Amino acid sequence: MLDATPVFVVFQKYNTAYGAGFSPLGLKWDFAARGRIEPYIELNGGTLFTNHQVPTGTSSVNFTDAAAFGVHLLGPRWAWSLEARYVHISNAGLGNLNPGVNTVQVRLGIGKFWRR
């Protein structure tokens, strides 16, 4: 799987960092659908690029790893996703400091089924 993050915002004490990233390494396990509800778990890793150092004083290029538990709500044409995600952001030693940032996120997504 490939996960793209077109907008990423980190609120910090001295600035707000804006960025984007992608996670080309991912595993996602969709459990068997029970009607319209399909739970899943996910593990992934990738890269995050920001306009300011995250955290301040480290690097503007970071690496991410994440674990998530979520559910797809399936409809005939649309699918909604709701998940809880743990994300670790770290520069992997690219900077002099590497304190890392840990977050817990709630994500909401929407998808459309295309039929031919």
PDB file of N, CA and C in Angstrom:
ATOM      1  N   MET A   1       0.831  -1.178   0.000  1.00  0.00           N
ATOM      2  CA  MET A   1       0.000   0.000   0.000  1.00  0.00           C
ATOM      3  C   MET A   1       0.871   1.235   0.000  1.00  0.00           C
ATOM      4  N   LEU A   2       0.346   2.320  -0.454  1.00  0.00           N
ATOM      5  CA  LEU A   2       1.016   3.620  -0.451  1.00  0.00           C
ATOM      6  C   LEU A   2       0.059   4.612   0.180  1.00  0.00           C
ATOM      7  N   ASP A   3       0.542   5.313   1.212  1.00  0.00           N
ATOM      8  CA  ASP A   3      -0.274   6.302   1.905  1.00  0.00           C
ATOM      9  C   ASP A   3       0.350   7.665   1.650  1.00  0.00           C
ATOM     10  N   ALA A   4      -0.401   8.580   1.076  1.00  0.00           N
ATOM     11  CA  ALA A   4       0.084   9.944   0.822  1.00  0.00           C
ATOM     12  C   ALA A   4      -0.562  10.895   1.814  1.00  0.00           C
ATOM     13  N   THR A   5       0.240  11.818   2.341  1.00  0.00           N
ATOM     14  CA  THR A   5      -0.254  12.840   3.260  1.00  0.00           C
ATOM     15  C   THR A   5       0.002  14.189   2.603  1.00  0.00           C
ATOM     16  N   PRO A   6      -0.992  14.753   1.912  1.00  0.00           N
ATOM     17  CA  PRO A   6      -0.767  16.001   1.173  1.00  0.00           C
ATOM     18  C   PRO A   6      -0.587  17.218   2.072  1.00  0.00           C
ATOM     19  N   VAL A   7      -1.149  17.203   3.286  1.00  0.00           N
ATOM     20  CA  VAL A   7      -1.019  18.327   4.220  1.00  0.00           C
ATOM     21  C   VAL A   7      -0.787  17.766   5.610  1.00  0.00           C
ATOM     22  N   PHE A   8       0.277  18.243   6.245  1.00  0.00           N
ATOM     23  CA  PHE A   8       0.604  17.827   7.609  1.00  0.00           C
ATOM     24  C   PHE A   8       0.927  19.087   8.390  1.00  0.00           C
ATOM     25  N   VAL A   9       0.289  19.302   9.533  1.00  0.00           N
ATOM     26  CA  VAL A   9       0.490  20.509  10.335  1.00  0.00           C
ATOM     27  C   VAL A   9       0.947  20.098  11.731  1.00  0.00           C
ATOM     28  N   VAL A  10       2.050  20.725  12.196  1.00  0.00           N
ATOM     29  CA  VAL A  10       2.560  20.472  13.541  1.00  0.00           C
ATOM     30  C   VAL A  10       2.617  21.810  14.272  1.00  0.00           C
ATOM     31  N   PHE A  11       1.825  21.950  15.323  1.00  0.00           N
ATOM     32  CA  PHE A  11       1.832  23.169  16.134  1.00  0.00           C
ATOM     33  C   PHE A  11       2.930  23.033  17.181  1.00  0.00           C
ATOM     34  N   GLN A  12       3.902  23.953  17.135  1.00  0.00           N
ATOM     35  CA  GLN A  12       5.029  23.931  18.055  1.00  0.00           C
ATOM     36  C   GLN A  12       5.075  25.231  18.849  1.00  0.00           C
ATOM     37  N   LYS A  13       5.906  25.266  19.886  1.00  0.00           N
ATOM     38  CA  LYS A  13       5.983  26.440  20.759  1.00  0.00           C
ATOM     39  C   LYS A  13       6.419  27.698  20.005  1.00  0.00           C
ATOM     40  N   TYR A  14       7.407  27.586  19.102  1.00  0.00           N
ATOM     41  CA  TYR A  14       7.957  28.763  18.429  1.00  0.00           C
ATOM     42  C   TYR A  14       7.468  28.960  16.998  1.00  0.00           C
ATOM     43  N   ASN A  15       6.845  27.971  16.402  1.00  0.00           N
ATOM     44  CA  ASN A  15       6.336  28.103  15.038  1.00  0.00           C
ATOM     45  C   ASN A  15       5.341  26.980  14.747  1.00  0.00           C
ATOM     46  N   THR A  16       4.679  27.121  13.640  1.00  0.00           N
ATOM     47  CA  THR A  16       3.811  26.064  13.129  1.00  0.00           C
ATOM     48  C   THR A  16       4.458  25.537  11.859  1.00  0.00           C
ATOM     49  N   ALA A  17       4.698  24.246  11.816  1.00  0.00           N
ATOM     50  CA  ALA A  17       5.345  23.627  10.658  1.00  0.00           C
ATOM     51  C   ALA A  17       4.285  23.018   9.747  1.00  0.00           C
ATOM     52  N   TYR A  18       4.409  23.299   8.461  1.00  0.00           N
ATOM     53  CA  TYR A  18       3.530  22.726   7.446  1.00  0.00           C
ATOM     54  C   TYR A  18       4.358  21.800   6.576  1.00  0.00           C
ATOM     55  N   GLY A  19       3.764  20.714   6.167  1.00  0.00           N
ATOM     56  CA  GLY A  19       4.524  19.785   5.348  1.00  0.00           C
ATOM     57  C   GLY A  19       3.644  18.802   4.618  1.00  0.00           C
ATOM     58  N   ALA A  20       4.327  17.846   4.003  1.00  0.00           N
ATOM     59  CA  ALA A  20       3.674  16.765   3.269  1.00  0.00           C
ATOM     60  C   ALA A  20       4.562  15.538   3.387  1.00  0.00           C
ATOM     61  N   GLY A  21       3.976  14.397   3.144  1.00  0.00           N
ATOM     62  CA  GLY A  21       4.759  13.180   3.243  1.00  0.00           C
ATOM     63  C   GLY A  21       4.109  12.020   2.529  1.00  0.00           C
ATOM     64  N   PHE A  22       4.790  10.902   2.581  1.00  0.00           N
ATOM     65  CA  PHE A  22       4.257   9.670   2.001  1.00  0.00           C
ATOM     66  C   PHE A  22       4.818   8.489   2.773  1.00  0.00           C
ATOM     67  N   SER A  23       4.082   7.412   2.762  1.00  0.00           N
ATOM     68  CA  SER A  23       4.477   6.177   3.433  1.00  0.00           C
ATOM     69  C   SER A  23       4.407   5.029   2.431  1.00  0.00           C
ATOM     70  N   PRO A  24       5.544   4.705   1.790  1.00  0.00           N
ATOM     71  CA  PRO A  24       5.527   3.638   0.794  1.00  0.00           C
ATOM     72  C   PRO A  24       5.603   2.238   1.391  1.00  0.00           C
ATOM     73  N   LEU A  25       5.912   2.143   2.676  1.00  0.00           N
ATOM     74  CA  LEU A  25       6.000   0.843   3.331  1.00  0.00           C
ATOM     75  C   LEU A  25       4.792   0.655   4.221  1.00  0.00           C
ATOM     76  N   GLY A  26       3.902  -0.250   3.840  1.00  0.00           N
ATOM     77  CA  GLY A  26       2.701  -0.414   4.643  1.00  0.00           C
ATOM     78  C   GLY A  26       2.096  -1.793   4.542  1.00  0.00           C
ATOM     79  N   LEU A  27       1.517  -2.207   5.646  1.00  0.00           N
ATOM     80  CA  LEU A  27       0.752  -3.444   5.702  1.00  0.00           C
ATOM     81  C   LEU A  27      -0.618  -3.115   6.269  1.00  0.00           C
ATOM     82  N   LYS A  28      -1.648  -3.572   5.593  1.00  0.00           N
ATOM     83  CA  LYS A  28      -3.005  -3.325   6.060  1.00  0.00           C
ATOM     84  C   LYS A  28      -3.779  -4.635   6.013  1.00  0.00           C
ATOM     85  N   TRP A  29      -4.401  -4.966   7.113  1.00  0.00           N
ATOM     86  CA  TRP A  29      -5.195  -6.190   7.199  1.00  0.00           C
ATOM     87  C   TRP A  29      -6.652  -5.796   7.344  1.00  0.00           C
ATOM     88  N   ASP A  30      -7.446  -6.060   6.291  1.00  0.00           N
ATOM     89  CA  ASP A  30      -8.893  -5.842   6.332  1.00  0.00           C
ATOM     90  C   ASP A  30      -9.547  -7.140   6.790  1.00  0.00           C
ATOM     91  N   PHE A  31     -10.287  -7.057   7.877  1.00  0.00           N
ATOM     92  CA  PHE A  31     -10.991  -8.232   8.359  1.00  0.00           C
ATOM     93  C   PHE A  31     -12.234  -8.450   7.494  1.00  0.00           C
ATOM     94  N   ALA A  32     -12.746  -9.657   7.493  1.00  0.00           N
ATOM     95  CA  ALA A  32     -13.906  -9.990   6.667  1.00  0.00           C
ATOM     96  C   ALA A  32     -15.063  -9.043   6.971  1.00  0.00           C
ATOM     97  N   ALA A  33     -15.661  -8.531   5.917  1.00  0.00           N
ATOM     98  CA  ALA A  33     -16.773  -7.590   6.069  1.00  0.00           C
ATOM     99  C   ALA A  33     -17.967  -8.286   6.701  1.00  0.00           C
ATOM    100  N   ARG A  34     -18.577  -7.613   7.648  1.00  0.00           N
ATOM    101  CA  ARG A  34     -19.809  -8.080   8.281  1.00  0.00           C
ATOM    102  C   ARG A  34     -20.899  -7.100   7.875  1.00  0.00           C
ATOM    103  N   GLY A  35     -21.388  -7.273   6.663  1.00  0.00           N
ATOM    104  CA  GLY A  35     -22.360  -6.318   6.146  1.00  0.00           C
ATOM    105  C   GLY A  35     -21.633  -5.071   5.673  1.00  0.00           C
ATOM    106  N   ARG A  36     -22.011  -3.941   6.221  1.00  0.00           N
ATOM    107  CA  ARG A  36     -21.438  -2.668   5.787  1.00  0.00           C
ATOM    108  C   ARG A  36     -20.233  -2.234   6.620  1.00  0.00           C
ATOM    109  N   ILE A  37     -19.866  -3.005   7.640  1.00  0.00           N
ATOM    110  CA  ILE A  37     -18.786  -2.613   8.532  1.00  0.00           C
ATOM    111  C   ILE A  37     -17.594  -3.539   8.334  1.00  0.00           C
ATOM    112  N   GLU A  38     -16.406  -2.945   8.072  1.00  0.00           N
ATOM    113  CA  GLU A  38     -15.198  -3.725   7.847  1.00  0.00           C
ATOM    114  C   GLU A  38     -14.047  -3.150   8.681  1.00  0.00           C
ATOM    115  N   PRO A  39     -13.689  -3.790   9.797  1.00  0.00           N
ATOM    116  CA  PRO A  39     -12.581  -3.299  10.602  1.00  0.00           C
ATOM    117  C   PRO A  39     -11.234  -3.630   9.954  1.00  0.00           C
ATOM    118  N   TYR A  40     -10.194  -2.885  10.336  1.00  0.00           N
ATOM    119  CA  TYR A  40      -8.853  -3.130   9.818  1.00  0.00           C
ATOM    120  C   TYR A  40      -7.802  -2.676  10.823  1.00  0.00           C
ATOM    121  N   ILE A  41      -6.591  -3.212  10.653  1.00  0.00           N
ATOM    122  CA  ILE A  41      -5.419  -2.738  11.370  1.00  0.00           C
ATOM    123  C   ILE A  41      -4.356  -2.408  10.330  1.00  0.00           C
ATOM    124  N   GLU A  42      -3.450  -1.508  10.684  1.00  0.00           N
ATOM    125  CA  GLU A  42      -2.465  -1.045   9.706  1.00  0.00           C
ATOM    126  C   GLU A  42      -1.145  -0.706  10.394  1.00  0.00           C
ATOM    127  N   LEU A  43      -0.036  -1.007   9.732  1.00  0.00           N
ATOM    128  CA  LEU A  43       1.305  -0.595  10.123  1.00  0.00           C
ATOM    129  C   LEU A  43       1.955   0.038   8.906  1.00  0.00           C
ATOM    130  N   ASN A  44       2.624   1.195   9.076  1.00  0.00           N
ATOM    131  CA  ASN A  44       3.309   1.778   7.921  1.00  0.00           C
ATOM    132  C   ASN A  44       4.480   2.638   8.353  1.00  0.00           C
ATOM    133  N   GLY A  45       5.314   2.989   7.386  1.00  0.00           N
ATOM    134  CA  GLY A  45       6.472   3.841   7.622  1.00  0.00           C
ATOM    135  C   GLY A  45       6.743   4.681   6.398  1.00  0.00           C
ATOM    136  N   GLY A  46       7.261   5.903   6.617  1.00  0.00           N
ATOM    137  CA  GLY A  46       7.513   6.777   5.482  1.00  0.00           C
ATOM    138  C   GLY A  46       8.347   7.991   5.850  1.00  0.00           C
ATOM    139  N   THR A  47       8.194   9.039   5.067  1.00  0.00           N
ATOM    140  CA  THR A  47       8.982  10.255   5.187  1.00  0.00           C
ATOM    141  C   THR A  47       8.056  11.460   5.260  1.00  0.00           C
ATOM    142  N   LEU A  48       8.474  12.467   6.036  1.00  0.00           N
ATOM    143  CA  LEU A  48       7.723  13.701   6.207  1.00  0.00           C
ATOM    144  C   LEU A  48       8.659  14.883   5.948  1.00  0.00           C
ATOM    145  N   PHE A  49       8.253  15.801   5.063  1.00  0.00           N
ATOM    146  CA  PHE A  49       9.032  16.999   4.735  1.00  0.00           C
ATOM    147  C   PHE A  49       8.242  18.222   5.218  1.00  0.00           C
ATOM    148  N   THR A  50       8.891  19.113   5.998  1.00  0.00           N
ATOM    149  CA  THR A  50       8.214  20.283   6.547  1.00  0.00           C
ATOM    150  C   THR A  50       9.010  21.555   6.272  1.00  0.00           C
ATOM    151  N   ASN A  51       8.336  22.699   6.375  1.00  0.00           N
ATOM    152  CA  ASN A  51       8.995  23.985   6.106  1.00  0.00           C
ATOM    153  C   ASN A  51       9.795  24.486   7.314  1.00  0.00           C
ATOM    154  N   HIS A  52       9.580  23.924   8.503  1.00  0.00           N
ATOM    155  CA  HIS A  52      10.357  24.233   9.708  1.00  0.00           C
ATOM    156  C   HIS A  52      10.836  22.918  10.312  1.00  0.00           C
ATOM    157  N   GLN A  53      11.821  23.008  11.157  1.00  0.00           N
ATOM    158  CA  GLN A  53      12.322  21.818  11.827  1.00  0.00           C
ATOM    159  C   GLN A  53      11.278  21.279  12.803  1.00  0.00           C
ATOM    160  N   VAL A  54      11.101  19.959  12.812  1.00  0.00           N
ATOM    161  CA  VAL A  54      10.162  19.291  13.714  1.00  0.00           C
ATOM    162  C   VAL A  54      10.917  18.200  14.455  1.00  0.00           C
ATOM    163  N   PRO A  55      11.013  18.269  15.788  1.00  0.00           N
ATOM    164  CA  PRO A  55      10.788  19.429  16.624  1.00  0.00           C
ATOM    165  C   PRO A  55      11.808  20.527  16.334  1.00  0.00           C
ATOM    166  N   THR A  56      11.541  21.730  16.860  1.00  0.00           N
ATOM    167  CA  THR A  56      12.421  22.877  16.647  1.00  0.00           C
ATOM    168  C   THR A  56      13.850  22.528  17.071  1.00  0.00           C
ATOM    169  N   GLY A  57      14.825  22.893  16.205  1.00  0.00           N
ATOM    170  CA  GLY A  57      16.232  22.634  16.497  1.00  0.00           C
ATOM    171  C   GLY A  57      16.738  21.296  16.011  1.00  0.00           C
ATOM    172  N   THR A  58      15.931  20.569  15.234  1.00  0.00           N
ATOM    173  CA  THR A  58      16.357  19.241  14.768  1.00  0.00           C
ATOM    174  C   THR A  58      16.476  19.194  13.252  1.00  0.00           C
ATOM    175  N   SER A  59      15.449  18.757  12.536  1.00  0.00           N
ATOM    176  CA  SER A  59      15.510  18.574  11.087  1.00  0.00           C
ATOM    177  C   SER A  59      14.140  18.822  10.457  1.00  0.00           C
ATOM    178  N   SER A  60      14.152  19.276   9.203  1.00  0.00           N
ATOM    179  CA  SER A  60      12.893  19.440   8.473  1.00  0.00           C
ATOM    180  C   SER A  60      12.572  18.207   7.627  1.00  0.00           C
ATOM    181  N   VAL A  61      13.441  17.208   7.658  1.00  0.00           N
ATOM    182  CA  VAL A  61      13.184  15.914   7.022  1.00  0.00           C
ATOM    183  C   VAL A  61      13.092  14.886   8.145  1.00  0.00           C
ATOM    184  N   ASN A  62      11.959  14.227   8.237  1.00  0.00           N
ATOM    185  CA  ASN A  62      11.736  13.246   9.292  1.00  0.00           C
ATOM    186  C   ASN A  62      11.187  11.954   8.719  1.00  0.00           C
ATOM    187  N   PHE A  63      11.244  10.936   9.529  1.00  0.00           N
ATOM    188  CA  PHE A  63      10.701   9.633   9.172  1.00  0.00           C
ATOM    189  C   PHE A  63       9.557   9.324  10.122  1.00  0.00           C
ATOM    190  N   THR A  64       8.575   8.620   9.613  1.00  0.00           N
ATOM    191  CA  THR A  64       7.396   8.307  10.413  1.00  0.00           C
ATOM    192  C   THR A  64       7.158   6.807  10.434  1.00  0.00           C
ATOM    193  N   ASP A  65       6.665   6.337  11.544  1.00  0.00           N
ATOM    194  CA  ASP A  65       6.103   4.992  11.605  1.00  0.00           C
ATOM    195  C   ASP A  65       4.792   5.108  12.358  1.00  0.00           C
ATOM    196  N   ALA A  66       3.845   4.272  11.967  1.00  0.00           N
ATOM    197  CA  ALA A  66       2.495   4.408  12.505  1.00  0.00           C
ATOM    198  C   ALA A  66       1.833   3.047  12.660  1.00  0.00           C
ATOM    199  N   ALA A  67       0.905   3.003  13.605  1.00  0.00           N
ATOM    200  CA  ALA A  67       0.039   1.842  13.798  1.00  0.00           C
ATOM    201  C   ALA A  67      -1.380   2.375  13.961  1.00  0.00           C
ATOM    202  N   ALA A  68      -2.342   1.711  13.318  1.00  0.00           N
ATOM    203  CA  ALA A  68      -3.714   2.213  13.349  1.00  0.00           C
ATOM    204  C   ALA A  68      -4.705   1.067  13.482  1.00  0.00           C
ATOM    205  N   PHE A  69      -5.835   1.395  14.080  1.00  0.00           N
ATOM    206  CA  PHE A  69      -6.997   0.516  14.106  1.00  0.00           C
ATOM    207  C   PHE A  69      -8.170   1.343  13.608  1.00  0.00           C
ATOM    208  N   GLY A  70      -8.895   0.804  12.638  1.00  0.00           N
ATOM    209  CA  GLY A  70      -9.998   1.574  12.079  1.00  0.00           C
ATOM    210  C   GLY A  70     -11.116   0.700  11.572  1.00  0.00           C
ATOM    211  N   VAL A  71     -12.085   1.386  10.989  1.00  0.00           N
ATOM    212  CA  VAL A  71     -13.240   0.701  10.438  1.00  0.00           C
ATOM    213  C   VAL A  71     -13.672   1.416   9.154  1.00  0.00           C
ATOM    214  N   HIS A  72     -13.974   0.624   8.130  1.00  0.00           N
ATOM    215  CA  HIS A  72     -14.574   1.146   6.900  1.00  0.00           C
ATOM    216  C   HIS A  72     -16.085   0.965   7.025  1.00  0.00           C
ATOM    217  N   LEU A  73     -16.824   2.009   6.690  1.00  0.00           N
ATOM    218  CA  LEU A  73     -18.278   1.939   6.642  1.00  0.00           C
ATOM    219  C   LEU A  73     -18.656   1.958   5.162  1.00  0.00           C
ATOM    220  N   LEU A  74     -19.055   0.809   4.655  1.00  0.00           N
ATOM    221  CA  LEU A  74     -19.239   0.612   3.222  1.00  0.00           C
ATOM    222  C   LEU A  74     -20.665   0.901   2.780  1.00  0.00           C
ATOM    223  N   GLY A  75     -20.784   1.697   1.739  1.00  0.00           N
ATOM    224  CA  GLY A  75     -22.066   1.959   1.103  1.00  0.00           C
ATOM    225  C   GLY A  75     -22.011   1.486  -0.342  1.00  0.00           C
ATOM    226  N   PRO A  76     -23.075   1.621  -1.106  1.00  0.00           N
ATOM    227  CA  PRO A  76     -23.074   1.154  -2.494  1.00  0.00           C
ATOM    228  C   PRO A  76     -22.119   1.949  -3.394  1.00  0.00           C
ATOM    229  N   ARG A  77     -21.922   3.247  -3.142  1.00  0.00           N
ATOM    230  CA  ARG A  77     -21.034   4.069  -3.975  1.00  0.00           C
ATOM    231  C   ARG A  77     -19.915   4.733  -3.181  1.00  0.00           C
ATOM    232  N   TRP A  78     -20.105   4.885  -1.866  1.00  0.00           N
ATOM    233  CA  TRP A  78     -19.154   5.603  -1.026  1.00  0.00           C
ATOM    234  C   TRP A  78     -18.720   4.733   0.140  1.00  0.00           C
ATOM    235  N   ALA A  79     -17.501   4.994   0.618  1.00  0.00           N
ATOM    236  CA  ALA A  79     -16.987   4.321   1.813  1.00  0.00           C
ATOM    237  C   ALA A  79     -16.375   5.373   2.729  1.00  0.00           C
ATOM    238  N   TRP A  80     -16.741   5.328   3.981  1.00  0.00           N
ATOM    239  CA  TRP A  80     -16.164   6.201   4.992  1.00  0.00           C
ATOM    240  C   TRP A  80     -15.186   5.386   5.824  1.00  0.00           C
ATOM    241  N   SER A  81     -14.150   6.043   6.312  1.00  0.00           N
ATOM    242  CA  SER A  81     -13.196   5.393   7.203  1.00  0.00           C
ATOM    243  C   SER A  81     -13.046   6.232   8.458  1.00  0.00           C
ATOM    244  N   LEU A  82     -12.956   5.561   9.586  1.00  0.00           N
ATOM    245  CA  LEU A  82     -12.701   6.215  10.857  1.00  0.00           C
ATOM    246  C   LEU A  82     -11.644   5.388  11.567  1.00  0.00           C
ATOM    247  N   GLU A  83     -10.572   6.060  12.035  1.00  0.00           N
ATOM    248  CA  GLU A  83      -9.491   5.309  12.657  1.00  0.00           C
ATOM    249  C   GLU A  83      -8.821   6.092  13.777  1.00  0.00           C
ATOM    250  N   ALA A  84      -8.199   5.344  14.677  1.00  0.00           N
ATOM    251  CA  ALA A  84      -7.312   5.891  15.695  1.00  0.00           C
ATOM    252  C   ALA A  84      -5.903   5.460  15.290  1.00  0.00           C
ATOM    253  N   ARG A  85      -4.955   6.408  15.299  1.00  0.00           N
ATOM    254  CA  ARG A  85      -3.619   6.142  14.783  1.00  0.00           C
ATOM    255  C   ARG A  85      -2.566   6.690  15.740  1.00  0.00           C
ATOM    256  N   TYR A  86      -1.553   5.871  16.020  1.00  0.00           N
ATOM    257  CA  TYR A  86      -0.377   6.297  16.769  1.00  0.00           C
ATOM    258  C   TYR A  86       0.732   6.559  15.756  1.00  0.00           C
ATOM    259  N   VAL A  87       1.358   7.739  15.824  1.00  0.00           N
ATOM    260  CA  VAL A  87       2.421   8.102  14.882  1.00  0.00           C
ATOM    261  C   VAL A  87       3.655   8.559  15.655  1.00  0.00           C
ATOM    262  N   HIS A  88       4.813   8.042  15.279  1.00  0.00           N
ATOM    263  CA  HIS A  88       6.103   8.481  15.816  1.00  0.00           C
ATOM    264  C   HIS A  88       6.850   9.204  14.696  1.00  0.00           C
ATOM    265  N   ILE A  89       7.320  10.425  14.977  1.00  0.00           N
ATOM    266  CA  ILE A  89       8.079  11.227  14.012  1.00  0.00           C
ATOM    267  C   ILE A  89       9.483  11.404  14.568  1.00  0.00           C
ATOM    268  N   SER A  90      10.495  11.083  13.760  1.00  0.00           N
ATOM    269  CA  SER A  90      11.881  11.158  14.207  1.00  0.00           C
ATOM    270  C   SER A  90      12.782  11.408  13.010  1.00  0.00           C
ATOM    271  N   ASN A  91      13.916  12.100  13.222  1.00  0.00           N
ATOM    272  CA  ASN A  91      14.815  12.361  12.098  1.00  0.00           C
ATOM    273  C   ASN A  91      15.859  11.267  11.904  1.00  0.00           C
ATOM    274  N   ALA A  92      15.839  10.206  12.683  1.00  0.00           N
ATOM    275  CA  ALA A  92      16.731   9.051  12.551  1.00  0.00           C
ATOM    276  C   ALA A  92      18.206   9.451  12.581  1.00  0.00           C
ATOM    277  N   GLY A  93      18.512  10.498  13.335  1.00  0.00           N
ATOM    278  CA  GLY A  93      19.905  10.908  13.471  1.00  0.00           C
ATOM    279  C   GLY A  93      20.405  11.862  12.404  1.00  0.00           C
ATOM    280  N   LEU A  94      19.525  12.409  11.546  1.00  0.00           N
ATOM    281  CA  LEU A  94      19.969  13.375  10.524  1.00  0.00           C
ATOM    282  C   LEU A  94      20.433  14.689  11.154  1.00  0.00           C
ATOM    283  N   GLY A  95      19.896  15.032  12.310  1.00  0.00           N
ATOM    284  CA  GLY A  95      20.273  16.258  13.014  1.00  0.00           C
ATOM    285  C   GLY A  95      21.100  15.931  14.248  1.00  0.00           C
ATOM    286  N   ASN A  96      21.600  16.979  14.904  1.00  0.00           N
ATOM    287  CA  ASN A  96      22.366  16.785  16.134  1.00  0.00           C
ATOM    288  C   ASN A  96      21.496  16.239  17.257  1.00  0.00           C
ATOM    289  N   LEU A  97      20.236  16.632  17.271  1.00  0.00           N
ATOM    290  CA  LEU A  97      19.275  16.147  18.264  1.00  0.00           C
ATOM    291  C   LEU A  97      18.244  15.264  17.581  1.00  0.00           C
ATOM    292  N   ASN A  98      17.713  14.300  18.312  1.00  0.00           N
ATOM    293  CA  ASN A  98      16.692  13.406  17.765  1.00  0.00           C
ATOM    294  C   ASN A  98      15.694  13.013  18.861  1.00  0.00           C
ATOM    295  N   PRO A  99      14.948  14.015  19.398  1.00  0.00           N
ATOM    296  CA  PRO A  99      14.032  13.691  20.492  1.00  0.00           C
ATOM    297  C   PRO A  99      12.771  12.963  20.039  1.00  0.00           C
ATOM    298  N   GLY A 100      12.347  13.150  18.803  1.00  0.00           N
ATOM    299  CA  GLY A 100      11.140  12.505  18.313  1.00  0.00           C
ATOM    300  C   GLY A 100       9.870  13.160  18.833  1.00  0.00           C
ATOM    301  N   VAL A 101       8.788  12.913  18.139  1.00  0.00           N
ATOM    302  CA  VAL A 101       7.461  13.405  18.501  1.00  0.00           C
ATOM    303  C   VAL A 101       6.507  12.227  18.385  1.00  0.00           C
ATOM    304  N   ASN A 102       5.711  12.000  19.419  1.00  0.00           N
ATOM    305  CA  ASN A 102       4.706  10.934  19.403  1.00  0.00           C
ATOM    306  C   ASN A 102       3.326  11.562  19.450  1.00  0.00           C
ATOM    307  N   THR A 103       2.440  11.109  18.573  1.00  0.00           N
ATOM    308  CA  THR A 103       1.086  11.645  18.538  1.00  0.00           C
ATOM    309  C   THR A 103       0.065  10.519  18.447  1.00  0.00           C
ATOM    310  N   VAL A 104      -1.125  10.811  18.923  1.00  0.00           N
ATOM    311  CA  VAL A 104      -2.285   9.946  18.711  1.00  0.00           C
ATOM    312  C   VAL A 104      -3.263  10.773  17.894  1.00  0.00           C
ATOM    313  N   GLN A 105      -3.704  10.232  16.778  1.00  0.00           N
ATOM    314  CA  GLN A 105      -4.558  10.963  15.854  1.00  0.00           C
ATOM    315  C   GLN A 105      -5.874  10.220  15.663  1.00  0.00           C
ATOM    316  N   VAL A 106      -6.892  10.972  15.327  1.00  0.00           N
ATOM    317  CA  VAL A 106      -8.163  10.411  14.868  1.00  0.00           C
ATOM    318  C   VAL A 106      -8.321  10.878  13.430  1.00  0.00           C
ATOM    319  N   ARG A 107      -8.518   9.944  12.525  1.00  0.00           N
ATOM    320  CA  ARG A 107      -8.632  10.272  11.102  1.00  0.00           C
ATOM    321  C   ARG A 107      -9.995   9.883  10.570  1.00  0.00           C
ATOM    322  N   LEU A 108     -10.511  10.727   9.686  1.00  0.00           N
ATOM    323  CA  LEU A 108     -11.765  10.476   8.994  1.00  0.00           C
ATOM    324  C   LEU A 108     -11.474  10.534   7.505  1.00  0.00           C
ATOM    325  N   GLY A 109     -11.908   9.537   6.756  1.00  0.00           N
ATOM    326  CA  GLY A 109     -11.655   9.499   5.323  1.00  0.00           C
ATOM    327  C   GLY A 109     -12.914   9.166   4.543  1.00  0.00           C
ATOM    328  N   ILE A 110     -12.881   9.479   3.263  1.00  0.00           N
ATOM    329  CA  ILE A 110     -13.996   9.143   2.371  1.00  0.00           C
ATOM    330  C   ILE A 110     -13.416   8.609   1.063  1.00  0.00           C
ATOM    331  N   GLY A 111     -14.093   7.623   0.499  1.00  0.00           N
ATOM    332  CA  GLY A 111     -13.697   7.056  -0.782  1.00  0.00           C
ATOM    333  C   GLY A 111     -14.912   6.808  -1.643  1.00  0.00           C
ATOM    334  N   LYS A 112     -14.695   6.718  -2.940  1.00  0.00           N
ATOM    335  CA  LYS A 112     -15.789   6.499  -3.883  1.00  0.00           C
ATOM    336  C   LYS A 112     -15.496   5.239  -4.692  1.00  0.00           C
ATOM    337  N   PHE A 113     -16.509   4.405  -4.858  1.00  0.00           N
ATOM    338  CA  PHE A 113     -16.400   3.218  -5.703  1.00  0.00           C
ATOM    339  C   PHE A 113     -16.764   3.617  -7.126  1.00  0.00           C
ATOM    340  N   TRP A 114     -15.949   3.247  -8.082  1.00  0.00           N
ATOM    341  CA  TRP A 114     -16.205   3.540  -9.502  1.00  0.00           C
ATOM    342  C   TRP A 114     -16.621   2.252 -10.185  1.00  0.00           C
ATOM    343  N   ARG A 115     -17.719   2.305 -10.882  1.00  0.00           N
ATOM    344  CA  ARG A 115     -18.207   1.120 -11.605  1.00  0.00           C
ATOM    345  C   ARG A 115     -18.154   1.393 -13.090  1.00  0.00           C
ATOM    346  N   ARG A 116     -17.831   0.366 -13.814  1.00  0.00           N
ATOM    347  CA  ARG A 116     -17.768   0.501 -15.281  1.00  0.00           C
ATOM    348  C   ARG A 116     -19.044   0.048 -15.902  1.00  0.00           C
TER     349      ARG A 116
END
